[in-house]
Amino acid sequence: MENNIPIDLSNFKVDQLGYVYKDIKKQAKIMETFFGISKFNILGPLEMEINYHGKETKWTAYGAFSRLFENVEVELIQYESGECIHKEFLDQGKEGLHHVRYDVSDLQAIIDKFKEEGIDVSQSGKIVGLKYVYMDTEALLGIILEFSAIKRGRRRR
């Protein structure tokens, strides 16, 4: 990969900061106090079907959600079971900021552009109407970039 990557994220808005922790209830309280974030909504355990490094599999996690700066979602993930990038992160002895998510209108165009630069999808999935991909950018950026697209239905007139 070259140092002059022709991928320009300046036209995209950060939609989410995603963190991975072993104990999200504890971390939610810390973040609520430290950042003045509104109370986290904790969900789970949730089992999700994903594609992890090209293989269809399932993983289970708890999730907690709040807002920062009024327009950025804060997601806390507590891994429970299955193979996924969140387990990889914890297995490396890490906790904390894991990914930054951008909402895009054309998810496939983003995937194609990154693939042109030699950056593959490490994990993908769908939650309700939201499709998402985690791009394998950790070695390049120190974090993972996530892109998501919400399936928008046609409006009735």
C-alpha atoms as a PDB file:
ATOM      1  CA  MET A   1       0.000   0.000   0.000  1.00  0.00           C
ATOM      2  CA  GLU A   2       1.281   3.433  -0.903  1.00  0.00           C
ATOM      3  CA  ASN A   3       1.541   6.360   1.474  1.00  0.00           C
ATOM      4  CA  ASN A   4      -0.546   8.574  -0.827  1.00  0.00           C
ATOM      5  CA  ILE A   5      -3.858   6.778  -0.553  1.00  0.00           C
ATOM      6  CA  PRO A   6      -6.423   8.451  -2.814  1.00  0.00           C
ATOM      7  CA  ILE A   7      -9.287   7.831  -0.401  1.00  0.00           C
ATOM      8  CA  ASP A   8     -10.747  11.098   0.826  1.00  0.00           C
ATOM      9  CA  LEU A   9     -12.977  10.870   3.901  1.00  0.00           C
ATOM     10  CA  SER A  10     -13.344  14.634   4.264  1.00  0.00           C
ATOM     11  CA  ASN A  11     -16.788  14.600   2.641  1.00  0.00           C
ATOM     12  CA  PHE A  12     -18.127  12.055   5.125  1.00  0.00           C
ATOM     13  CA  LYS A  13     -19.463  12.784   8.596  1.00  0.00           C
ATOM     14  CA  VAL A  14     -18.417  10.651  11.570  1.00  0.00           C
ATOM     15  CA  ASP A  15     -21.600   8.906  12.680  1.00  0.00           C
ATOM     16  CA  GLN A  16     -20.307   6.703  15.505  1.00  0.00           C
ATOM     17  CA  LEU A  17     -17.375   6.057  17.819  1.00  0.00           C
ATOM     18  CA  GLY A  18     -17.215   2.367  18.685  1.00  0.00           C
ATOM     19  CA  TYR A  19     -15.446   1.056  21.780  1.00  0.00           C
ATOM     20  CA  VAL A  20     -14.807  -2.519  22.915  1.00  0.00           C
ATOM     21  CA  TYR A  21     -14.576  -3.335  26.615  1.00  0.00           C
ATOM     22  CA  LYS A  22     -14.749  -6.415  28.812  1.00  0.00           C
ATOM     23  CA  ASP A  23     -17.338  -4.708  31.066  1.00  0.00           C
ATOM     24  CA  ILE A  24     -19.572  -2.164  29.319  1.00  0.00           C
ATOM     25  CA  LYS A  25     -21.750  -1.453  32.362  1.00  0.00           C
ATOM     26  CA  LYS A  26     -18.697  -0.239  34.262  1.00  0.00           C
ATOM     27  CA  GLN A  27     -17.404   1.703  31.251  1.00  0.00           C
ATOM     28  CA  ALA A  28     -20.822   3.263  30.551  1.00  0.00           C
ATOM     29  CA  LYS A  29     -20.862   4.762  34.055  1.00  0.00           C
ATOM     30  CA  ILE A  30     -17.339   6.108  33.610  1.00  0.00           C
ATOM     31  CA  MET A  31     -18.211   7.708  30.253  1.00  0.00           C
ATOM     32  CA  GLU A  32     -21.505   9.116  31.537  1.00  0.00           C
ATOM     33  CA  THR A  33     -19.595  10.870  34.335  1.00  0.00           C
ATOM     34  CA  PHE A  34     -16.420  11.836  32.446  1.00  0.00           C
ATOM     35  CA  PHE A  35     -18.038  13.072  29.203  1.00  0.00           C
ATOM     36  CA  GLY A  36     -21.435  14.031  30.613  1.00  0.00           C
ATOM     37  CA  ILE A  37     -23.011  11.601  28.148  1.00  0.00           C
ATOM     38  CA  SER A  38     -26.658  10.769  28.650  1.00  0.00           C
ATOM     39  CA  LYS A  39     -27.398   7.367  30.198  1.00  0.00           C
ATOM     40  CA  PHE A  40     -26.422   4.454  27.947  1.00  0.00           C
ATOM     41  CA  ASN A  41     -29.116   2.107  26.690  1.00  0.00           C
ATOM     42  CA  ILE A  42     -27.717  -1.412  27.216  1.00  0.00           C
ATOM     43  CA  LEU A  43     -28.963  -4.251  25.010  1.00  0.00           C
ATOM     44  CA  GLY A  44     -28.252  -7.936  24.900  1.00  0.00           C
ATOM     45  CA  PRO A  45     -27.012 -10.435  24.744  1.00  0.00           C
ATOM     46  CA  LEU A  46     -27.556 -10.216  20.986  1.00  0.00           C
ATOM     47  CA  GLU A  47     -26.566 -12.974  18.572  1.00  0.00           C
ATOM     48  CA  MET A  48     -25.719 -11.747  15.090  1.00  0.00           C
ATOM     49  CA  GLU A  49     -24.926 -13.459  11.829  1.00  0.00           C
ATOM     50  CA  ILE A  50     -21.842 -11.981  10.207  1.00  0.00           C
ATOM     51  CA  ASN A  51     -19.243 -12.559   7.542  1.00  0.00           C
ATOM     52  CA  TYR A  52     -15.887 -12.662   9.310  1.00  0.00           C
ATOM     53  CA  HIS A  53     -12.835 -12.742   7.017  1.00  0.00           C
ATOM     54  CA  GLY A  54     -14.949 -14.332   4.263  1.00  0.00           C
ATOM     55  CA  LYS A  55     -16.609 -16.952   6.470  1.00  0.00           C
ATOM     56  CA  GLU A  56     -20.272 -16.942   7.521  1.00  0.00           C
ATOM     57  CA  THR A  57     -20.504 -17.257  11.317  1.00  0.00           C
ATOM     58  CA  LYS A  58     -22.304 -15.950  14.408  1.00  0.00           C
ATOM     59  CA  TRP A  59     -21.160 -13.957  17.386  1.00  0.00           C
ATOM     60  CA  THR A  60     -22.804 -12.784  20.593  1.00  0.00           C
ATOM     61  CA  ALA A  61     -22.304  -9.495  22.387  1.00  0.00           C
ATOM     62  CA  TYR A  62     -23.874  -6.880  24.603  1.00  0.00           C
ATOM     63  CA  GLY A  63     -24.133  -3.357  23.246  1.00  0.00           C
ATOM     64  CA  ALA A  64     -24.626   0.015  24.891  1.00  0.00           C
ATOM     65  CA  PHE A  65     -25.581   3.181  23.037  1.00  0.00           C
ATOM     66  CA  SER A  66     -25.590   6.893  23.819  1.00  0.00           C
ATOM     67  CA  ARG A  67     -24.816  10.193  22.081  1.00  0.00           C
ATOM     68  CA  LEU A  68     -21.853  12.559  22.186  1.00  0.00           C
ATOM     69  CA  PHE A  69     -21.773  16.078  20.712  1.00  0.00           C
ATOM     70  CA  GLU A  70     -25.519  15.640  19.992  1.00  0.00           C
ATOM     71  CA  ASN A  71     -24.896  13.940  16.645  1.00  0.00           C
ATOM     72  CA  VAL A  72     -22.301  11.197  17.215  1.00  0.00           C
ATOM     73  CA  GLU A  73     -23.432   7.837  18.518  1.00  0.00           C
ATOM     74  CA  VAL A  74     -21.223   6.172  21.106  1.00  0.00           C
ATOM     75  CA  GLU A  75     -21.327   2.390  20.968  1.00  0.00           C
ATOM     76  CA  LEU A  76     -19.848   0.160  23.652  1.00  0.00           C
ATOM     77  CA  ILE A  77     -19.431  -3.524  22.743  1.00  0.00           C
ATOM     78  CA  GLN A  78     -18.915  -6.333  25.225  1.00  0.00           C
ATOM     79  CA  TYR A  79     -17.890  -9.504  23.392  1.00  0.00           C
ATOM     80  CA  GLU A  80     -19.428 -12.744  24.660  1.00  0.00           C
ATOM     81  CA  SER A  81     -18.780 -15.545  22.128  1.00  0.00           C
ATOM     82  CA  GLY A  82     -17.947 -16.422  18.515  1.00  0.00           C
ATOM     83  CA  GLU A  83     -15.217 -15.353  16.138  1.00  0.00           C
ATOM     84  CA  CYS A  84     -15.234 -11.647  15.225  1.00  0.00           C
ATOM     85  CA  ILE A  85     -13.011  -8.584  15.055  1.00  0.00           C
ATOM     86  CA  HIS A  86     -14.025  -7.564  18.573  1.00  0.00           C
ATOM     87  CA  LYS A  87     -12.628 -10.838  19.947  1.00  0.00           C
ATOM     88  CA  GLU A  88      -9.411 -10.206  17.956  1.00  0.00           C
ATOM     89  CA  PHE A  89      -9.133  -6.781  19.593  1.00  0.00           C
ATOM     90  CA  LEU A  90      -9.548  -8.167  23.117  1.00  0.00           C
ATOM     91  CA  ASP A  91      -7.215 -11.104  22.372  1.00  0.00           C
ATOM     92  CA  GLN A  92      -4.516  -8.532  21.553  1.00  0.00           C
ATOM     93  CA  GLY A  93      -4.900  -7.215  25.105  1.00  0.00           C
ATOM     94  CA  LYS A  94      -6.689  -4.070  23.975  1.00  0.00           C
ATOM     95  CA  GLU A  95      -9.744  -2.239  25.263  1.00  0.00           C
ATOM     96  CA  GLY A  96     -11.019   1.176  24.211  1.00  0.00           C
ATOM     97  CA  LEU A  97     -11.585   2.935  20.908  1.00  0.00           C
ATOM     98  CA  HIS A  98     -12.017   0.269  18.251  1.00  0.00           C
ATOM     99  CA  HIS A  99     -13.661   1.890  15.247  1.00  0.00           C
ATOM    100  CA  VAL A 100     -15.022   5.061  13.695  1.00  0.00           C
ATOM    101  CA  ARG A 101     -18.184   4.693  11.630  1.00  0.00           C
ATOM    102  CA  TYR A 102     -19.309   6.730   8.669  1.00  0.00           C
ATOM    103  CA  ASP A 103     -22.808   6.521   7.199  1.00  0.00           C
ATOM    104  CA  VAL A 104     -22.717   6.379   3.402  1.00  0.00           C
ATOM    105  CA  SER A 105     -25.303   6.112   0.652  1.00  0.00           C
ATOM    106  CA  ASP A 106     -23.383   3.625  -1.524  1.00  0.00           C
ATOM    107  CA  LEU A 107     -21.710   0.970   0.591  1.00  0.00           C
ATOM    108  CA  GLN A 108     -20.516  -1.079  -2.385  1.00  0.00           C
ATOM    109  CA  ALA A 109     -18.723   1.925  -3.887  1.00  0.00           C
ATOM    110  CA  ILE A 110     -16.791   2.373  -0.627  1.00  0.00           C
ATOM    111  CA  ILE A 111     -15.891  -1.336  -0.522  1.00  0.00           C
ATOM    112  CA  ASP A 112     -14.722  -1.214  -4.141  1.00  0.00           C
ATOM    113  CA  LYS A 113     -12.633   1.919  -3.572  1.00  0.00           C
ATOM    114  CA  PHE A 114     -10.887   0.431  -0.554  1.00  0.00           C
ATOM    115  CA  LYS A 115     -10.272  -2.853  -2.376  1.00  0.00           C
ATOM    116  CA  GLU A 116      -8.587  -0.882  -5.188  1.00  0.00           C
ATOM    117  CA  GLU A 117      -6.156   0.306  -2.503  1.00  0.00           C
ATOM    118  CA  GLY A 118      -5.584  -3.203  -1.155  1.00  0.00           C
ATOM    119  CA  ILE A 119      -7.806  -2.812   1.902  1.00  0.00           C
ATOM    120  CA  ASP A 120     -10.290  -5.635   2.414  1.00  0.00           C
ATOM    121  CA  VAL A 121     -13.449  -6.074   4.442  1.00  0.00           C
ATOM    122  CA  SER A 122     -12.622  -7.830   7.699  1.00  0.00           C
ATOM    123  CA  GLN A 123     -16.219  -8.207   8.876  1.00  0.00           C
ATOM    124  CA  SER A 124     -19.670  -7.370   7.579  1.00  0.00           C
ATOM    125  CA  GLY A 125     -23.244  -7.876   8.607  1.00  0.00           C
ATOM    126  CA  LYS A 126     -26.722  -6.472   8.858  1.00  0.00           C
ATOM    127  CA  ILE A 127     -28.727  -5.297  11.843  1.00  0.00           C
ATOM    128  CA  VAL A 128     -32.384  -4.617  11.051  1.00  0.00           C
ATOM    129  CA  GLY A 129     -32.116  -2.317   7.986  1.00  0.00           C
ATOM    130  CA  LEU A 130     -28.500  -1.260   8.563  1.00  0.00           C
ATOM    131  CA  LYS A 131     -25.775  -2.937   6.513  1.00  0.00           C
ATOM    132  CA  TYR A 132     -22.231  -2.418   7.707  1.00  0.00           C
ATOM    133  CA  VAL A 133     -18.647  -3.306   6.869  1.00  0.00           C
ATOM    134  CA  TYR A 134     -15.492  -3.054   8.913  1.00  0.00           C
ATOM    135  CA  MET A 135     -12.533  -2.309   6.670  1.00  0.00           C
ATOM    136  CA  ASP A 136      -9.135  -3.769   7.565  1.00  0.00           C
ATOM    137  CA  THR A 137      -7.490  -0.413   8.375  1.00  0.00           C
ATOM    138  CA  GLU A 138      -6.038  -1.108  11.811  1.00  0.00           C
ATOM    139  CA  ALA A 139      -2.442  -1.574  10.602  1.00  0.00           C
ATOM    140  CA  LEU A 140      -2.668   1.630   8.551  1.00  0.00           C
ATOM    141  CA  LEU A 141      -4.572   3.907  10.953  1.00  0.00           C
ATOM    142  CA  GLY A 142      -4.426   2.233  14.354  1.00  0.00           C
ATOM    143  CA  ILE A 143      -8.219   1.884  14.303  1.00  0.00           C
ATOM    144  CA  ILE A 144     -10.801   0.230  12.109  1.00  0.00           C
ATOM    145  CA  LEU A 145     -13.048   2.211   9.799  1.00  0.00           C
ATOM    146  CA  GLU A 146     -16.649   1.085   9.644  1.00  0.00           C
ATOM    147  CA  PHE A 147     -19.065   2.143   6.932  1.00  0.00           C
ATOM    148  CA  SER A 148     -22.798   1.668   7.112  1.00  0.00           C
ATOM    149  CA  ALA A 149     -25.792   2.226   4.899  1.00  0.00           C
ATOM    150  CA  ILE A 150     -29.389   2.220   6.003  1.00  0.00           C
ATOM    151  CA  LYS A 151     -31.836   0.613   3.624  1.00  0.00           C
ATOM    152  CA  ARG A 152     -34.199   3.395   2.854  1.00  0.00           C
ATOM    153  CA  GLY A 153     -37.650   2.425   1.682  1.00  0.00           C
ATOM    154  CA  ARG A 154     -39.508   4.155  -1.083  1.00  0.00           C
ATOM    155  CA  ARG A 155     -41.833   6.885   0.030  1.00  0.00           C
ATOM    156  CA  ARG A 156     -45.493   6.558  -0.720  1.00  0.00           C
ATOM    157  CA  ARG A 157     -47.221   9.499  -2.265  1.00  0.00           C
END
